[in-house]
């Protein structure tokens, strides 16, 4: 098979290219810009294009399939050539489905927790040397790539993103996988540039349930009223399994899951992660891994990349980096750190940089989300407004939206770094939350400075 990738540099796209190359496919690709780590990963497998840019001469009738990434525009010259000569064009989720039609498909969906639940399942399966394929939205310890596709694996675990599949396929990605076993972790409005109302967003999860294979199973969070309402009104031919918060306690900064035979210490913490763990446990039970075996394996799970990732710690201070950016994720992450370290003050920073989070109409969704932090800072690099063609706003708008008069608003990275390094961090934690990169700030260097100050 000869497959060409338009926008090969994307996170999922380049990992799919590598997975298909390992499977013996002939891979070519193009992109106008390829950043790290995509560039090094593609180079390692001899898949890096010779030059950046689009070249319609790469599109020939010998190509069996074209995979189109979201980064490409509708007027992309390679796309236009492929359409003109009648090549079959897929989005990456569509092509993954084509490669997994004979497998048991497990799809992890929801507005939050997708990556963590998927990562937990993968960790447990690997622990027991199970044969499986996967797609996950983060680079995981012990896994070389974010996508694996083989002929041998009887099961595939897929992180089911609700964002659009491609520029010419406006369906959410998780609609294309046709799950046998589905998870819905929660529904909290997101992607307002595509789903301008909560109902339009909510409806995508109703469609997701409709795509489950006949007689399939949906595993859902009973603590989320939106999910419960969705499940209550969904089709009757699927098995519905709700999950709740597992009993747990925190002892000397370590969370333990309470079982009939005693406590099981785990390395992740926070109610949201305990919910995620229960969802992963039910998924594993569906494929023959007992609760006892699951808990034995999950003891060594360190968390998904950028999800409450520790950048450094001392006896009385720890610096965390987290992917949180939506309102529900922001609140859950702050609450988790405060519960885990009740005697320490928390300095929490959120970078708003997605289209949804910067949208003035959406901003009120953040009301009260940072109230549990002792110091709350909102950071916005003004260039993000320009890039997303949104009207900038000032501190008064932010404080009103967050419903918190104590929040500080900073729009300059140097000022932010100076402010964060002005504290004495003895008996304090620092939590840095963003799906972006804090305008290139060196977070590891910041963490070292923070930890140093906690010792005086």
Protein backbone atom coordinates (compact mmCIF):
# COMPACT_ATOMS: atom_id res chain seq x y z
CA UNK A 1 0.00 0.00 0.00
CA UNK A 2 1.23 3.47 -0.89
CA UNK A 3 -0.17 6.19 1.38
CA UNK A 4 0.45 9.93 1.21
CA UNK A 5 -0.04 12.23 4.20
CA UNK A 6 -1.08 15.85 3.65
CA UNK A 7 0.05 17.67 6.83
CA UNK A 8 2.24 14.80 8.03
CA UNK A 9 3.72 16.89 10.86
CA UNK A 10 0.65 16.76 13.10
CA UNK A 11 0.88 14.92 16.40
CA UNK A 12 -1.50 12.09 15.50
CA UNK A 13 -0.67 12.27 11.78
CA UNK A 14 3.05 11.63 12.09
CA UNK A 15 2.48 8.86 14.61
CA UNK A 16 0.02 7.18 12.23
CA UNK A 17 2.57 7.53 9.42
CA UNK A 18 5.17 5.77 11.59
CA UNK A 19 2.70 3.02 12.55
CA UNK A 20 1.81 2.31 8.92
CA UNK A 21 5.48 2.36 7.93
CA UNK A 22 6.18 -0.28 10.57
CA UNK A 23 3.35 -2.29 9.04
CA UNK A 24 5.17 -2.28 5.70
CA UNK A 25 3.29 0.50 3.92
CA UNK A 26 5.11 2.88 1.58
CA UNK A 27 4.71 6.34 3.12
CA UNK A 28 5.17 9.81 1.65
CA UNK A 29 4.09 13.14 3.09
CA UNK A 30 4.17 16.92 3.04
CA UNK A 31 3.73 19.84 5.41
CA UNK A 32 4.44 23.56 5.34
CA UNK A 33 5.90 23.53 8.87
CA UNK A 34 7.06 20.59 11.00
CA UNK A 35 7.91 21.19 14.65
CA UNK A 36 9.59 19.00 17.24
CA UNK A 37 9.16 16.26 18.27
CA UNK A 38 7.43 15.40 14.98
CA UNK A 39 10.50 16.33 12.94
CA UNK A 40 12.91 14.08 14.85
CA UNK A 41 10.41 11.22 15.00
CA UNK A 42 9.80 11.31 11.24
CA UNK A 43 13.53 11.58 10.55
CA UNK A 44 14.21 8.52 12.73
CA UNK A 45 11.97 6.44 10.46
CA UNK A 46 13.13 8.08 7.21
CA UNK A 47 9.72 9.67 6.71
CA UNK A 48 10.71 13.35 6.99
CA UNK A 49 9.92 15.21 3.74
CA UNK A 50 13.02 16.50 1.91
CA UNK A 51 11.69 20.04 2.17
CA UNK A 52 8.79 21.88 3.75
CA UNK A 53 5.91 23.04 1.58
CA UNK A 54 3.23 21.59 -0.66
CA UNK A 55 4.02 19.89 -3.97
CA UNK A 56 1.17 18.62 -6.15
CA UNK A 57 3.71 16.61 -8.15
CA UNK A 58 3.82 14.21 -5.20
CA UNK A 59 0.21 13.28 -5.92
CA UNK A 60 0.10 10.52 -8.54
CA UNK A 61 -2.32 7.80 -9.58
CA UNK A 62 -0.05 5.20 -7.91
CA UNK A 63 -1.18 6.37 -4.46
CA UNK A 64 -3.68 4.00 -2.83
CA UNK A 65 -4.86 6.43 -0.16
CA UNK A 66 -4.38 10.05 0.90
CA UNK A 67 -4.71 10.91 4.60
CA UNK A 68 -5.67 14.54 5.19
CA UNK A 69 -4.76 16.36 8.41
CA UNK A 70 -6.74 19.20 10.01
CA UNK A 71 -3.83 21.59 9.46
CA UNK A 72 -4.40 21.54 5.69
CA UNK A 73 -6.67 24.13 4.09
CA UNK A 74 -9.42 23.47 1.58
CA UNK A 75 -7.35 25.09 -1.17
CA UNK A 76 -4.27 22.96 -0.45
CA UNK A 77 -2.70 22.21 -3.87
CA UNK A 78 -2.04 18.56 -3.01
CA UNK A 79 -5.63 18.09 -1.84
CA UNK A 80 -6.97 19.71 -5.01
CA UNK A 81 -4.79 17.43 -7.16
CA UNK A 82 -5.89 14.33 -5.25
CA UNK A 83 -9.54 15.30 -5.68
CA UNK A 84 -9.02 16.06 -9.36
CA UNK A 85 -7.57 12.64 -10.20
CA UNK A 86 -10.07 10.80 -8.00
CA UNK A 87 -7.87 9.42 -5.23
CA UNK A 88 -9.50 8.09 -2.09
CA UNK A 89 -9.05 10.69 0.67
CA UNK A 90 -9.36 9.77 4.35
CA UNK A 91 -9.15 11.61 7.64
CA UNK A 92 -6.79 9.88 10.08
CA UNK A 93 -9.64 8.52 12.30
CA UNK A 94 -11.40 7.22 9.20
CA UNK A 95 -8.25 5.41 8.11
CA UNK A 96 -7.65 3.95 11.56
CA UNK A 97 -11.16 2.49 11.41
CA UNK A 98 -10.33 0.97 8.02
CA UNK A 99 -7.30 -0.69 9.60
CA UNK A 100 -9.22 -1.99 12.62
CA UNK A 101 -12.48 -3.33 11.17
CA UNK A 102 -11.71 -6.87 12.36
CA UNK A 103 -10.69 -5.81 15.89
CA UNK A 104 -12.60 -5.23 19.11
CA UNK A 105 -12.70 -1.43 19.25
CA UNK A 106 -12.64 0.33 22.63
CA UNK A 107 -13.21 4.09 22.34
CA UNK A 108 -12.61 6.43 25.28
CA UNK A 109 -14.70 9.60 24.91
CA UNK A 110 -15.65 12.56 27.09
CA UNK A 111 -14.80 16.21 27.60
CA UNK A 112 -12.10 15.39 30.14
CA UNK A 113 -10.02 12.41 31.25
CA UNK A 114 -9.80 10.74 27.82
CA UNK A 115 -6.02 10.60 27.67
CA UNK A 116 -5.66 9.47 31.29
CA UNK A 117 -8.26 6.69 31.03
CA UNK A 118 -6.75 5.47 27.77
CA UNK A 119 -3.26 5.60 29.28
CA UNK A 120 -4.37 3.62 32.32
CA UNK A 121 -5.86 0.89 30.14
CA UNK A 122 -2.70 0.71 28.02
CA UNK A 123 -0.52 0.55 31.12
CA UNK A 124 -2.46 -2.39 32.53
CA UNK A 125 -2.55 -4.28 29.22
CA UNK A 126 1.18 -3.83 28.81
CA UNK A 127 1.78 -4.96 32.39
CA UNK A 128 0.15 -8.30 31.55
CA UNK A 129 1.81 -8.60 28.11
CA UNK A 130 -1.48 -8.44 26.25
CA UNK A 131 -1.39 -7.94 22.48
CA UNK A 132 -3.17 -4.72 21.53
CA UNK A 133 -3.18 -1.75 19.18
CA UNK A 134 -3.88 1.81 20.27
CA UNK A 135 -4.17 5.53 19.61
CA UNK A 136 -3.57 7.90 22.51
CA UNK A 137 -3.25 11.69 22.64
CA UNK A 138 0.01 11.90 24.61
CA UNK A 139 3.46 10.37 24.58
CA UNK A 140 3.48 7.71 27.30
CA UNK A 141 6.38 6.32 29.27
CA UNK A 142 7.20 2.86 27.95
CA UNK A 143 5.47 3.45 24.60
CA UNK A 144 7.61 4.55 21.67
CA UNK A 145 4.79 6.07 19.64
CA UNK A 146 1.26 7.36 20.17
CA UNK A 147 -0.24 5.01 17.55
CA UNK A 148 0.19 1.29 17.01
CA UNK A 149 -1.45 -0.68 14.21
CA UNK A 150 -0.75 -4.34 13.52
CA UNK A 151 -2.47 -7.27 11.86
CA UNK A 152 -2.07 -9.48 14.93
CA UNK A 153 -3.74 -7.47 17.73
CA UNK A 154 -7.34 -8.56 18.41
CA UNK A 155 -8.22 -5.31 20.22
CA UNK A 156 -7.54 -1.60 19.72
CA UNK A 157 -7.91 1.12 22.36
CA UNK A 158 -8.70 4.53 20.89
CA UNK A 159 -8.79 7.93 22.54
CA UNK A 160 -11.99 9.36 21.06
CA UNK A 161 -11.56 13.08 20.43
CA UNK A 162 -14.77 15.02 19.72
CA UNK A 163 -13.04 17.58 17.48
CA UNK A 164 -13.50 17.49 13.69
CA UNK A 165 -11.87 14.78 11.59
CA UNK A 166 -10.52 16.86 8.67
CA UNK A 167 -11.16 20.03 6.66
CA UNK A 168 -13.42 18.08 4.28
CA UNK A 169 -14.93 15.75 6.89
CA UNK A 170 -16.70 17.82 9.54
CA UNK A 171 -17.69 14.86 11.71
CA UNK A 172 -16.16 14.54 15.19
CA UNK A 173 -13.39 11.96 15.24
CA UNK A 174 -15.06 9.66 17.74
CA UNK A 175 -18.06 9.19 15.44
CA UNK A 176 -15.85 7.31 12.98
CA UNK A 177 -14.54 4.47 15.16
CA UNK A 178 -17.80 2.53 15.74
CA UNK A 179 -16.98 1.29 19.23
CA UNK A 180 -17.82 -2.09 20.65
CA UNK A 181 -16.99 -0.72 24.11
CA UNK A 182 -17.36 3.04 24.66
CA UNK A 183 -16.58 5.31 27.59
CA UNK A 184 -18.09 8.74 28.29
CA UNK A 185 -16.22 10.41 31.15
CA UNK A 186 -18.17 13.67 31.21
CA UNK A 187 -19.74 16.36 29.06
CA UNK A 188 -18.62 19.97 29.55
CA UNK A 189 -18.98 22.46 26.68
CA UNK A 190 -15.82 22.91 24.62
CA UNK A 191 -14.65 23.74 21.06
CA UNK A 192 -17.00 26.71 20.78
CA UNK A 193 -15.54 27.63 17.37
CA UNK A 194 -17.17 24.47 16.02
CA UNK A 195 -20.02 23.92 18.49
CA UNK A 196 -21.34 27.42 19.27
CA UNK A 197 -23.95 26.23 21.78
CA UNK A 198 -23.86 23.66 24.55
CA UNK A 199 -26.66 21.72 22.82
CA UNK A 200 -24.71 21.43 19.59
CA UNK A 201 -21.76 20.06 21.58
CA UNK A 202 -23.93 17.73 23.72
CA UNK A 203 -25.59 16.31 20.61
CA UNK A 204 -22.23 14.97 19.38
CA UNK A 205 -22.18 12.56 22.32
CA UNK A 206 -25.69 11.37 21.46
CA UNK A 207 -24.43 10.58 17.96
CA UNK A 208 -21.40 8.84 19.51
CA UNK A 209 -23.74 6.49 21.35
CA UNK A 210 -25.64 5.88 18.12
CA UNK A 211 -22.38 4.75 16.45
CA UNK A 212 -21.77 1.99 19.03
CA UNK A 213 -22.01 -1.44 17.43
CA UNK A 214 -25.21 -3.42 18.05
CA UNK A 215 -25.09 -5.11 21.45
CA UNK A 216 -22.10 -3.02 22.51
CA UNK A 217 -21.38 -1.49 25.90
CA UNK A 218 -21.18 2.10 27.14
CA UNK A 219 -19.34 2.83 30.39
CA UNK A 220 -20.33 6.22 31.80
CA UNK A 221 -19.75 8.54 34.75
CA UNK A 222 -22.76 8.54 37.08
CA UNK A 223 -21.59 11.77 38.75
CA UNK A 224 -22.09 13.84 35.58
CA UNK A 225 -25.73 14.96 35.21
CA UNK A 226 -25.31 15.64 31.50
CA UNK A 227 -24.00 12.14 30.87
CA UNK A 228 -26.71 10.52 33.02
CA UNK A 229 -29.40 12.38 31.08
CA UNK A 230 -27.83 11.31 27.79
CA UNK A 231 -27.66 7.66 28.82
CA UNK A 232 -31.21 7.68 30.17
CA UNK A 233 -32.53 8.74 26.76
CA UNK A 234 -30.24 6.53 24.67
CA UNK A 235 -30.94 3.34 22.73
CA UNK A 236 -31.95 0.18 24.58
CA UNK A 237 -29.91 -2.42 22.68
CA UNK A 238 -26.60 -1.56 24.35
CA UNK A 239 -25.32 -2.50 27.80
CA UNK A 240 -24.99 0.53 30.13
CA UNK A 241 -22.52 0.44 33.01
CA UNK A 242 -22.21 3.45 35.30
CA UNK A 243 -19.22 4.20 37.49
CA UNK A 244 -18.75 6.39 40.56
CA UNK A 245 -15.93 7.56 42.80
CA UNK A 246 -13.96 4.68 44.29
CA UNK A 247 -13.50 4.86 48.05
CA UNK A 248 -10.10 6.34 48.78
CA UNK A 249 -8.04 8.18 51.39
CA UNK A 250 -4.89 10.31 51.46
CA UNK A 251 -2.15 9.29 53.88
CA UNK A 252 1.00 11.45 54.08
CA UNK A 253 0.47 12.78 50.57
CA UNK A 254 -0.23 9.34 49.02
CA UNK A 255 -3.68 8.32 47.77
CA UNK A 256 -4.88 4.80 48.48
CA UNK A 257 -7.84 2.97 46.93
CA UNK A 258 -9.80 1.23 49.68
CA UNK A 259 -10.68 -2.42 49.02
CA UNK A 260 -12.05 -5.23 51.16
CA UNK A 261 -8.51 -6.49 51.71
CA UNK A 262 -6.90 -3.13 52.50
CA UNK A 263 -5.54 -0.01 50.81
CA UNK A 264 -3.88 0.01 47.38
CA UNK A 265 -1.47 2.95 47.03
CA UNK A 266 -1.44 4.72 43.67
CA UNK A 267 0.81 7.40 42.20
CA UNK A 268 -1.89 9.67 40.76
CA UNK A 269 -4.29 11.69 42.88
CA UNK A 270 -7.45 13.80 42.85
CA UNK A 271 -11.11 12.81 42.56
CA UNK A 272 -11.03 13.25 38.79
CA UNK A 273 -8.26 10.65 38.54
CA UNK A 274 -10.10 8.26 40.86
CA UNK A 275 -13.09 8.50 38.52
CA UNK A 276 -10.75 7.91 35.57
CA UNK A 277 -9.27 4.89 37.32
CA UNK A 278 -12.70 3.35 37.87
CA UNK A 279 -13.58 3.84 34.19
CA UNK A 280 -10.32 2.15 33.16
CA UNK A 281 -11.00 -0.70 35.60
CA UNK A 282 -14.41 -1.38 34.04
CA UNK A 283 -12.89 -1.33 30.54
CA UNK A 284 -10.27 -3.85 31.60
CA UNK A 285 -12.91 -6.07 33.21
CA UNK A 286 -14.73 -6.12 29.86
CA UNK A 287 -11.66 -7.73 28.27
CA UNK A 288 -10.95 -10.25 31.01
CA UNK A 289 -8.74 -8.46 33.56
CA UNK A 290 -10.07 -8.80 37.10
CA UNK A 291 -10.35 -5.94 39.58
CA UNK A 292 -7.57 -7.46 41.69
CA UNK A 293 -5.23 -7.74 38.72
CA UNK A 294 -6.12 -4.24 37.55
CA UNK A 295 -5.33 -2.67 40.94
CA UNK A 296 -2.09 -4.62 41.16
CA UNK A 297 -0.96 -3.21 37.81
CA UNK A 298 -2.21 0.35 38.29
CA UNK A 299 0.01 0.82 41.36
CA UNK A 300 2.91 1.66 39.03
CA UNK A 301 1.02 4.05 36.74
CA UNK A 302 2.75 7.45 36.95
CA UNK A 303 0.15 9.41 34.98
CA UNK A 304 -0.17 10.57 31.40
CA UNK A 305 2.25 13.11 30.00
CA UNK A 306 1.48 16.71 31.09
CA UNK A 307 -1.30 15.52 33.40
CA UNK A 308 -0.30 16.67 36.91
CA UNK A 309 3.29 16.06 35.90
CA UNK A 310 5.80 16.89 38.64
CA UNK A 311 8.56 19.26 37.51
CA UNK A 312 10.37 19.13 40.87
CA UNK A 313 9.80 18.87 44.60
CA UNK A 314 11.30 19.36 48.05
CA UNK A 315 10.07 18.29 51.47
CA UNK A 316 7.53 21.14 51.59
CA UNK A 317 6.98 22.17 47.97
CA UNK A 318 6.14 20.68 44.58
CA UNK A 319 5.77 22.17 41.10
CA UNK A 320 3.18 20.63 38.79
CA UNK A 321 2.48 21.06 35.10
CA UNK A 322 -0.96 20.10 33.84
CA UNK A 323 -2.78 20.12 30.50
CA UNK A 324 -5.89 21.65 32.11
CA UNK A 325 -7.42 24.47 30.07
CA UNK A 326 -11.21 23.97 30.04
CA UNK A 327 -13.27 25.09 33.07
CA UNK A 328 -14.02 21.59 34.34
CA UNK A 329 -10.38 20.49 34.04
CA UNK A 330 -9.14 23.67 35.71
CA UNK A 331 -11.37 23.26 38.76
CA UNK A 332 -10.72 19.52 39.09
CA UNK A 333 -6.95 19.97 38.96
CA UNK A 334 -6.85 22.80 41.53
CA UNK A 335 -9.15 20.87 43.88
CA UNK A 336 -7.00 17.74 43.51
CA UNK A 337 -3.76 19.48 44.50
CA UNK A 338 -5.42 21.23 47.47
CA UNK A 339 -6.89 17.95 48.75
CA UNK A 340 -3.60 16.11 48.34
CA UNK A 341 -1.61 18.80 50.16
CA UNK A 342 -4.08 20.50 52.55
CA UNK A 343 -1.38 22.14 54.68
CA UNK A 344 0.31 23.89 51.75
CA UNK A 345 -0.79 27.07 50.05
CA UNK A 346 -1.41 26.77 46.31
CA UNK A 347 -0.26 29.23 43.66
CA UNK A 348 -2.17 28.35 40.50
CA UNK A 349 -1.59 29.70 36.99
CA UNK A 350 -3.81 29.10 33.96
CA UNK A 351 -2.76 30.12 30.47
CA UNK A 352 -5.79 30.83 28.29
CA UNK A 353 -4.84 30.19 24.69
CA UNK A 354 -7.44 27.99 22.98
CA UNK A 355 -10.18 29.57 20.88
CA UNK A 356 -12.81 28.57 23.44
CA UNK A 357 -10.94 29.90 26.48
CA UNK A 358 -10.16 33.23 24.80
CA UNK A 359 -13.71 33.76 23.55
CA UNK A 360 -15.33 36.51 25.63
CA UNK A 361 -18.75 34.86 25.34
CA UNK A 362 -17.37 31.58 26.74
CA UNK A 363 -15.24 33.12 29.48
CA UNK A 364 -18.05 33.13 32.06
CA UNK A 365 -17.89 29.31 32.07
CA UNK A 366 -14.78 29.77 34.27
CA UNK A 367 -16.76 31.35 37.13
CA UNK A 368 -15.55 30.02 40.47
CA UNK A 369 -13.08 27.56 38.98
CA UNK A 370 -10.03 29.06 40.75
CA UNK A 371 -11.63 29.87 44.11
CA UNK A 372 -9.77 27.04 45.85
CA UNK A 373 -6.35 28.47 44.95
CA UNK A 374 -4.61 30.76 47.45
CA UNK A 375 -3.06 32.76 44.60
CA UNK A 376 -4.81 32.64 41.23
CA UNK A 377 -3.14 34.00 38.08
CA UNK A 378 -4.59 34.15 34.57
CA UNK A 379 -2.02 34.52 31.81
CA UNK A 380 -2.81 35.47 28.22
CA UNK A 381 -0.18 36.28 25.63
CA UNK A 382 -1.81 39.02 23.53
CA UNK A 383 -0.49 37.42 20.35
CA UNK A 384 -3.03 34.64 20.87
CA UNK A 385 -5.87 37.13 20.39
CA UNK A 386 -4.33 38.22 17.08
CA UNK A 387 -3.75 34.67 15.86
CA UNK A 388 -7.35 33.68 16.60
CA UNK A 389 -8.75 37.00 15.36
CA UNK A 390 -10.44 37.75 18.67
CA UNK A 391 -10.87 41.10 20.38
CA UNK A 392 -8.48 41.49 23.36
CA UNK A 393 -9.95 42.21 26.79
CA UNK A 394 -8.54 43.56 30.04
CA UNK A 395 -8.27 42.50 33.68
CA UNK A 396 -11.75 43.72 34.63
CA UNK A 397 -13.36 41.35 32.11
CA UNK A 398 -11.29 38.44 33.42
CA UNK A 399 -12.12 39.08 37.08
CA UNK A 400 -15.80 39.41 36.28
CA UNK A 401 -15.84 36.19 34.26
CA UNK A 402 -13.93 34.17 36.85
CA UNK A 403 -16.14 35.66 39.60
CA UNK A 404 -13.03 36.09 41.71
CA UNK A 405 -11.76 39.53 42.69
CA UNK A 406 -8.46 38.08 43.90
CA UNK A 407 -7.32 36.77 40.50
CA UNK A 408 -4.35 38.47 38.90
CA UNK A 409 -4.22 39.03 35.16
CA UNK A 410 -0.83 39.04 33.39
CA UNK A 411 -0.27 39.34 29.64
CA UNK A 412 3.54 39.35 29.48
CA UNK A 413 5.66 36.21 29.98
CA UNK A 414 8.58 38.07 31.55
CA UNK A 415 6.30 39.76 34.08
CA UNK A 416 4.68 36.40 34.83
CA UNK A 417 8.03 34.71 35.46
CA UNK A 418 9.16 37.61 37.64
CA UNK A 419 5.96 37.45 39.68
CA UNK A 420 6.17 33.67 40.17
CA UNK A 421 9.80 33.82 41.31
CA UNK A 422 9.03 36.57 43.86
CA UNK A 423 7.45 34.12 46.34
CA UNK A 424 9.10 32.17 49.10
CA UNK A 425 7.77 28.68 48.36
CA UNK A 426 8.22 27.14 51.78
CA UNK A 427 5.00 25.15 52.38
CA UNK A 428 3.61 26.17 48.98
CA UNK A 429 2.90 24.35 45.72
CA UNK A 430 2.97 25.84 42.23
CA UNK A 431 0.52 24.57 39.61
CA UNK A 432 1.06 25.57 35.95
CA UNK A 433 -1.89 24.76 33.68
CA UNK A 434 -2.07 25.12 29.92
CA UNK A 435 -2.52 23.23 26.66
CA UNK A 436 0.02 25.70 25.25
CA UNK A 437 3.58 26.55 26.19
CA UNK A 438 3.48 29.75 28.28
CA UNK A 439 5.04 31.78 25.43
CA UNK A 440 8.17 29.66 25.51
CA UNK A 441 8.90 30.14 29.22
CA UNK A 442 11.47 27.61 30.51
CA UNK A 443 9.26 25.79 33.01
CA UNK A 444 12.02 23.43 34.16
CA UNK A 445 14.26 26.37 35.02
CA UNK A 446 11.34 28.04 36.80
CA UNK A 447 10.70 24.85 38.79
CA UNK A 448 14.35 24.69 39.93
CA UNK A 449 14.15 28.29 41.14
CA UNK A 450 10.90 27.57 42.97
CA UNK A 451 12.25 24.46 44.70
CA UNK A 452 15.42 26.33 45.71
CA UNK A 453 13.37 29.08 47.37
CA UNK A 454 11.36 26.52 49.36
CA UNK A 455 14.50 25.51 51.27
CA UNK A 456 14.98 28.89 52.95
